[in-house]
Each structure stands twice: as structure tokens, then as C-alpha cells.
Amino acid sequence: MKTKELREKNIEELKKLLAEKEESIRKFRFDLATKQVKGVRQIRVDKKDVARILTLINEKNKQA
């Protein structure tokens, strides 16, 4: 997701999205361990999205 799209969401939506991304990473790691994954680029994208979401949550908490 783009940072611009994420900035439009409120904290609750960001936390929900964060949980979804973390679950996606967890599932991907299990699939990777059982060799059911062909491309590994998606985990990199998800990890960067998690970092963006956490950064925005922290920014919004400091503003409030």
C-alpha cells in the first residue's frame, strides 16, 4: 500500500490492517518452511507495509 492511502485511515483501521499483514507474514513463513512458496518477494513487501503502518500509528499517537 502507498503511504498516501494509509494516511487517510484512522488508528483502528491501521491496527486492523497491521494484524492482517502480520498474519500474512506468519502464514508465508510457514509455507516457506514447508517449501510451498515459489516467489519470496511478497514477504518483503508485507514487511515494508508493516513498518509503514507502525510509523503512521506512532505519528498519530504523538499528535493526539
C-alpha atoms as a PDB file:
ATOM      1  CA  MET A   1       0.000   0.000   0.000  1.00  0.00           C
ATOM      2  CA  LYS A   2       1.033   3.529  -0.605  1.00  0.00           C
ATOM      3  CA  THR A   3       1.746   5.810   2.334  1.00  0.00           C
ATOM      4  CA  LYS A   4      -0.786   8.317   1.000  1.00  0.00           C
ATOM      5  CA  GLU A   5      -3.548   5.703   1.201  1.00  0.00           C
ATOM      6  CA  LEU A   6      -2.512   4.728   4.712  1.00  0.00           C
ATOM      7  CA  ARG A   7      -2.516   8.327   5.984  1.00  0.00           C
ATOM      8  CA  GLU A   8      -6.234   8.597   5.155  1.00  0.00           C
ATOM      9  CA  LYS A   9      -7.109   5.765   7.573  1.00  0.00           C
ATOM     10  CA  ASN A  10      -7.744   6.171  11.284  1.00  0.00           C
ATOM     11  CA  ILE A  11      -5.835   4.328  14.009  1.00  0.00           C
ATOM     12  CA  GLU A  12      -8.360   1.475  14.352  1.00  0.00           C
ATOM     13  CA  GLU A  13      -8.248   0.762  10.617  1.00  0.00           C
ATOM     14  CA  LEU A  14      -4.449   0.846  10.708  1.00  0.00           C
ATOM     15  CA  LYS A  15      -4.354  -1.609  13.617  1.00  0.00           C
ATOM     16  CA  LYS A  16      -6.706  -3.965  11.780  1.00  0.00           C
ATOM     17  CA  LEU A  17      -4.559  -3.769   8.655  1.00  0.00           C
ATOM     18  CA  LEU A  18      -1.440  -4.340  10.759  1.00  0.00           C
ATOM     19  CA  ALA A  19      -2.910  -7.540  12.183  1.00  0.00           C
ATOM     20  CA  GLU A  20      -3.783  -8.752   8.686  1.00  0.00           C
ATOM     21  CA  LYS A  21      -0.264  -8.076   7.390  1.00  0.00           C
ATOM     22  CA  GLU A  22       1.373  -9.772  10.383  1.00  0.00           C
ATOM     23  CA  GLU A  23      -0.857 -12.820   9.865  1.00  0.00           C
ATOM     24  CA  SER A  24       0.103 -12.841   6.192  1.00  0.00           C
ATOM     25  CA  ILE A  25       3.805 -12.803   7.105  1.00  0.00           C
ATOM     26  CA  ARG A  26       3.314 -15.604   9.635  1.00  0.00           C
ATOM     27  CA  LYS A  27       1.459 -17.771   7.105  1.00  0.00           C
ATOM     28  CA  PHE A  28       4.091 -17.051   4.486  1.00  0.00           C
ATOM     29  CA  ARG A  29       6.883 -18.172   6.820  1.00  0.00           C
ATOM     30  CA  PHE A  30       5.119 -21.474   7.466  1.00  0.00           C
ATOM     31  CA  ASP A  31       4.597 -22.001   3.739  1.00  0.00           C
ATOM     32  CA  LEU A  32       8.249 -21.173   3.139  1.00  0.00           C
ATOM     33  CA  ALA A  33       9.346 -23.725   5.740  1.00  0.00           C
ATOM     34  CA  THR A  34       7.280 -26.427   4.038  1.00  0.00           C
ATOM     35  CA  LYS A  35       8.569 -25.345   0.610  1.00  0.00           C
ATOM     36  CA  GLN A  36       5.137 -24.435  -0.753  1.00  0.00           C
ATOM     37  CA  VAL A  37       6.239 -20.963  -1.921  1.00  0.00           C
ATOM     38  CA  LYS A  38       7.633 -20.103  -5.325  1.00  0.00           C
ATOM     39  CA  GLY A  39       8.200 -16.334  -5.058  1.00  0.00           C
ATOM     40  CA  VAL A  40       9.621 -14.731  -1.944  1.00  0.00           C
ATOM     41  CA  ARG A  41       9.144 -11.095  -2.894  1.00  0.00           C
ATOM     42  CA  GLN A  42       5.722 -10.825  -1.229  1.00  0.00           C
ATOM     43  CA  ILE A  43       7.169 -11.189   2.274  1.00  0.00           C
ATOM     44  CA  ARG A  44       9.461  -8.206   1.617  1.00  0.00           C
ATOM     45  CA  VAL A  45       6.509  -6.083   0.521  1.00  0.00           C
ATOM     46  CA  ASP A  46       4.442  -7.110   3.559  1.00  0.00           C
ATOM     47  CA  LYS A  47       7.271  -6.349   5.978  1.00  0.00           C
ATOM     48  CA  LYS A  48       7.676  -2.877   4.497  1.00  0.00           C
ATOM     49  CA  ASP A  49       3.925  -2.311   4.777  1.00  0.00           C
ATOM     50  CA  VAL A  50       4.082  -3.302   8.467  1.00  0.00           C
ATOM     51  CA  ALA A  51       6.867  -0.774   9.026  1.00  0.00           C
ATOM     52  CA  ARG A  52       4.852   1.966   7.281  1.00  0.00           C
ATOM     53  CA  ILE A  53       1.749   1.186   9.330  1.00  0.00           C
ATOM     54  CA  LEU A  54       3.662   1.194  12.626  1.00  0.00           C
ATOM     55  CA  THR A  55       5.283   4.504  11.729  1.00  0.00           C
ATOM     56  CA  LEU A  56       1.922   6.109  10.965  1.00  0.00           C
ATOM     57  CA  ILE A  57       0.370   4.750  14.172  1.00  0.00           C
ATOM     58  CA  ASN A  58       3.230   6.250  16.179  1.00  0.00           C
ATOM     59  CA  GLU A  59       2.895   9.590  14.366  1.00  0.00           C
ATOM     60  CA  LYS A  60      -0.843   9.729  15.015  1.00  0.00           C
ATOM     61  CA  ASN A  61      -0.368   8.838  18.696  1.00  0.00           C
ATOM     62  CA  LYS A  62       2.143  11.662  19.138  1.00  0.00           C
ATOM     63  CA  GLN A  63      -0.224  14.164  17.529  1.00  0.00           C
ATOM     64  CA  ALA A  64      -3.138  13.202  19.785  1.00  0.00           C
END
